[in-house]
Amino acid sequence: MPAQRGQATVEIALCLPLVALLVGAVVETTAVAVDNVRLWHATREAARAAAVEPDSSVPRAIAGRVIDPVELTIVPEPQARVAGEPVVVSATFVPDAQVPLIGALFERLRLHARVAMRIEVP
């Protein structure tokens, strides 16, 4: 069967780019999922810090938890916090692309997290 020589090589050459795209998509999706979990964890820590300590310890609580820059919104301000009322921390993060070609599909992605905790007596 000399007519079928090299058939496997051609099949591999045709399928390999598709497999590479699939692997890249899985890697990029996993990186976004990890960033989302880290953002939620950091937002919970920032809300806990805002609920327990009325000073400006929230940026310290979130520092090092997520890749910068993270947009934080804390309501109410430290001067207006009353024990027993909720403090709400919202965080927004734009993840960086990990895979060069596939990352372009995720460039408009913004991750959001919002956590509310009851303010404790200082």
C-alpha atoms as a PDB file:
ATOM      1  CA  MET A   1       0.000   0.000   0.000  1.00  0.00           C
ATOM      2  CA  PRO A   2       2.374   2.727  -1.100  1.00  0.00           C
ATOM      3  CA  ALA A   3      -0.479   5.236  -1.557  1.00  0.00           C
ATOM      4  CA  GLN A   4      -1.056   5.494   2.222  1.00  0.00           C
ATOM      5  CA  ARG A   5       2.530   6.237   3.251  1.00  0.00           C
ATOM      6  CA  GLY A   6       2.700   9.358   5.430  1.00  0.00           C
ATOM      7  CA  GLN A   7      -1.027   9.354   6.231  1.00  0.00           C
ATOM      8  CA  ALA A   8      -0.383   9.415   9.987  1.00  0.00           C
ATOM      9  CA  THR A   9       2.008  12.331   9.585  1.00  0.00           C
ATOM     10  CA  VAL A  10      -0.579  14.360   7.691  1.00  0.00           C
ATOM     11  CA  GLU A  11      -3.272  13.551  10.278  1.00  0.00           C
ATOM     12  CA  ILE A  12      -0.987  14.665  13.105  1.00  0.00           C
ATOM     13  CA  ALA A  13      -0.086  17.844  11.222  1.00  0.00           C
ATOM     14  CA  LEU A  14      -3.783  18.648  10.775  1.00  0.00           C
ATOM     15  CA  CYS A  15      -4.873  17.835  14.337  1.00  0.00           C
ATOM     16  CA  LEU A  16      -1.950  19.245  16.330  1.00  0.00           C
ATOM     17  CA  PRO A  17      -2.968  22.936  16.034  1.00  0.00           C
ATOM     18  CA  LEU A  18      -6.483  22.090  17.248  1.00  0.00           C
ATOM     19  CA  VAL A  19      -5.114  20.169  20.215  1.00  0.00           C
ATOM     20  CA  ALA A  20      -2.765  23.064  21.028  1.00  0.00           C
ATOM     21  CA  LEU A  21      -5.689  25.538  20.949  1.00  0.00           C
ATOM     22  CA  LEU A  22      -7.732  23.284  23.210  1.00  0.00           C
ATOM     23  CA  VAL A  23      -4.882  22.961  25.731  1.00  0.00           C
ATOM     24  CA  GLY A  24      -4.344  26.748  25.638  1.00  0.00           C
ATOM     25  CA  ALA A  25      -8.047  27.372  26.271  1.00  0.00           C
ATOM     26  CA  VAL A  26      -8.003  25.005  29.252  1.00  0.00           C
ATOM     27  CA  VAL A  27      -4.908  26.708  30.699  1.00  0.00           C
ATOM     28  CA  GLU A  28      -6.397  30.211  30.255  1.00  0.00           C
ATOM     29  CA  THR A  29      -9.746  29.189  31.754  1.00  0.00           C
ATOM     30  CA  THR A  30      -7.982  27.634  34.736  1.00  0.00           C
ATOM     31  CA  ALA A  31      -5.923  30.794  35.277  1.00  0.00           C
ATOM     32  CA  VAL A  32      -9.086  32.928  35.254  1.00  0.00           C
ATOM     33  CA  ALA A  33     -10.785  30.556  37.698  1.00  0.00           C
ATOM     34  CA  VAL A  34      -7.789  30.751  40.067  1.00  0.00           C
ATOM     35  CA  ASP A  35      -7.807  34.567  39.867  1.00  0.00           C
ATOM     36  CA  ASN A  36     -11.540  34.557  40.648  1.00  0.00           C
ATOM     37  CA  VAL A  37     -11.051  32.404  43.755  1.00  0.00           C
ATOM     38  CA  ARG A  38      -8.173  34.622  44.909  1.00  0.00           C
ATOM     39  CA  LEU A  39     -10.311  37.739  44.379  1.00  0.00           C
ATOM     40  CA  TRP A  40     -13.191  36.320  46.456  1.00  0.00           C
ATOM     41  CA  HIS A  41     -10.812  35.304  49.238  1.00  0.00           C
ATOM     42  CA  ALA A  42      -9.157  38.719  49.302  1.00  0.00           C
ATOM     43  CA  THR A  43     -12.538  40.471  49.323  1.00  0.00           C
ATOM     44  CA  ARG A  44     -13.683  38.360  52.288  1.00  0.00           C
ATOM     45  CA  GLU A  45     -10.483  39.235  54.163  1.00  0.00           C
ATOM     46  CA  ALA A  46     -10.929  42.927  53.361  1.00  0.00           C
ATOM     47  CA  ALA A  47     -14.548  42.833  54.567  1.00  0.00           C
ATOM     48  CA  ARG A  48     -13.453  41.121  57.780  1.00  0.00           C
ATOM     49  CA  ALA A  49     -10.782  43.768  58.341  1.00  0.00           C
ATOM     50  CA  ALA A  50     -13.309  46.545  57.683  1.00  0.00           C
ATOM     51  CA  ALA A  51     -15.829  44.968  60.069  1.00  0.00           C
ATOM     52  CA  VAL A  52     -13.368  44.498  62.938  1.00  0.00           C
ATOM     53  CA  GLU A  53     -10.984  47.445  62.667  1.00  0.00           C
ATOM     54  CA  PRO A  54     -12.311  50.890  61.801  1.00  0.00           C
ATOM     55  CA  ASP A  55      -8.941  52.199  60.612  1.00  0.00           C
ATOM     56  CA  SER A  56      -7.472  51.842  57.136  1.00  0.00           C
ATOM     57  CA  SER A  57      -6.380  48.193  57.488  1.00  0.00           C
ATOM     58  CA  VAL A  58      -8.437  47.086  54.476  1.00  0.00           C
ATOM     59  CA  PRO A  59      -5.715  47.782  51.891  1.00  0.00           C
ATOM     60  CA  ARG A  60      -3.257  45.803  54.033  1.00  0.00           C
ATOM     61  CA  ALA A  61      -5.701  42.886  54.213  1.00  0.00           C
ATOM     62  CA  ILE A  62      -6.085  42.685  50.456  1.00  0.00           C
ATOM     63  CA  ALA A  63      -2.436  43.422  49.578  1.00  0.00           C
ATOM     64  CA  GLY A  64      -0.625  40.398  48.246  1.00  0.00           C
ATOM     65  CA  ARG A  65      -3.812  38.361  47.809  1.00  0.00           C
ATOM     66  CA  VAL A  66      -4.567  39.324  44.215  1.00  0.00           C
ATOM     67  CA  ILE A  67      -2.491  40.634  41.358  1.00  0.00           C
ATOM     68  CA  ASP A  68      -2.670  44.421  41.333  1.00  0.00           C
ATOM     69  CA  PRO A  69      -4.515  46.602  40.424  1.00  0.00           C
ATOM     70  CA  VAL A  70      -7.713  45.868  42.300  1.00  0.00           C
ATOM     71  CA  GLU A  71     -10.498  48.441  42.468  1.00  0.00           C
ATOM     72  CA  LEU A  72     -11.991  48.491  45.973  1.00  0.00           C
ATOM     73  CA  THR A  73     -15.224  50.089  47.099  1.00  0.00           C
ATOM     74  CA  ILE A  74     -16.042  50.099  50.821  1.00  0.00           C
ATOM     75  CA  VAL A  75     -19.445  51.280  52.063  1.00  0.00           C
ATOM     76  CA  PRO A  76     -19.874  52.930  54.549  1.00  0.00           C
ATOM     77  CA  GLU A  77     -16.784  55.018  55.170  1.00  0.00           C
ATOM     78  CA  PRO A  78     -14.899  54.384  58.461  1.00  0.00           C
ATOM     79  CA  GLN A  79     -16.407  57.466  60.132  1.00  0.00           C
ATOM     80  CA  ALA A  80     -19.994  56.348  59.379  1.00  0.00           C
ATOM     81  CA  ARG A  81     -19.706  52.731  60.561  1.00  0.00           C
ATOM     82  CA  VAL A  82     -22.051  51.651  63.342  1.00  0.00           C
ATOM     83  CA  ALA A  83     -21.744  48.383  65.240  1.00  0.00           C
ATOM     84  CA  GLY A  84     -24.303  45.841  64.063  1.00  0.00           C
ATOM     85  CA  GLU A  85     -24.758  47.404  60.610  1.00  0.00           C
ATOM     86  CA  PRO A  86     -23.236  45.827  57.494  1.00  0.00           C
ATOM     87  CA  VAL A  87     -20.050  46.934  55.778  1.00  0.00           C
ATOM     88  CA  VAL A  88     -19.922  46.038  52.078  1.00  0.00           C
ATOM     89  CA  VAL A  89     -16.643  45.560  50.216  1.00  0.00           C
ATOM     90  CA  SER A  90     -16.715  45.323  46.431  1.00  0.00           C
ATOM     91  CA  ALA A  91     -13.639  44.431  44.393  1.00  0.00           C
ATOM     92  CA  THR A  92     -13.037  44.410  40.649  1.00  0.00           C
ATOM     93  CA  PHE A  93     -10.035  42.848  38.959  1.00  0.00           C
ATOM     94  CA  VAL A  94      -8.973  42.578  35.304  1.00  0.00           C
ATOM     95  CA  PRO A  95      -6.862  39.429  34.867  1.00  0.00           C
ATOM     96  CA  ASP A  96      -3.839  39.336  32.582  1.00  0.00           C
ATOM     97  CA  ALA A  97      -3.673  36.864  29.710  1.00  0.00           C
ATOM     98  CA  GLN A  98      -1.578  33.777  30.409  1.00  0.00           C
ATOM     99  CA  VAL A  99      -1.672  32.182  26.932  1.00  0.00           C
ATOM    100  CA  PRO A 100      -0.701  34.535  24.061  1.00  0.00           C
ATOM    101  CA  LEU A 101      -3.294  33.697  21.379  1.00  0.00           C
ATOM    102  CA  ILE A 102      -6.113  32.437  23.573  1.00  0.00           C
ATOM    103  CA  GLY A 103      -5.724  35.306  26.054  1.00  0.00           C
ATOM    104  CA  ALA A 104      -7.076  37.747  23.464  1.00  0.00           C
ATOM    105  CA  LEU A 105     -10.485  36.100  23.851  1.00  0.00           C
ATOM    106  CA  PHE A 106     -10.463  36.963  27.578  1.00  0.00           C
ATOM    107  CA  GLU A 107      -9.138  40.545  27.381  1.00  0.00           C
ATOM    108  CA  ARG A 108     -12.514  42.201  28.128  1.00  0.00           C
ATOM    109  CA  LEU A 109     -13.097  39.989  31.152  1.00  0.00           C
ATOM    110  CA  ARG A 110     -13.593  41.721  34.512  1.00  0.00           C
ATOM    111  CA  LEU A 111     -13.917  39.710  37.708  1.00  0.00           C
ATOM    112  CA  HIS A 112     -16.186  41.044  40.467  1.00  0.00           C
ATOM    113  CA  ALA A 113     -16.625  40.102  44.115  1.00  0.00           C
ATOM    114  CA  ARG A 114     -18.940  41.667  46.702  1.00  0.00           C
ATOM    115  CA  VAL A 115     -18.975  40.694  50.383  1.00  0.00           C
ATOM    116  CA  ALA A 116     -21.018  42.115  53.266  1.00  0.00           C
ATOM    117  CA  MET A 117     -20.196  41.576  56.952  1.00  0.00           C
ATOM    118  CA  ARG A 118     -21.698  42.868  60.149  1.00  0.00           C
ATOM    119  CA  ILE A 119     -19.609  45.525  61.862  1.00  0.00           C
ATOM    120  CA  GLU A 120     -18.403  44.366  65.269  1.00  0.00           C
ATOM    121  CA  VAL A 121     -17.930  46.469  68.357  1.00  0.00           C
ATOM    122  CA  PRO A 122     -14.353  47.812  68.355  1.00  0.00           C
END
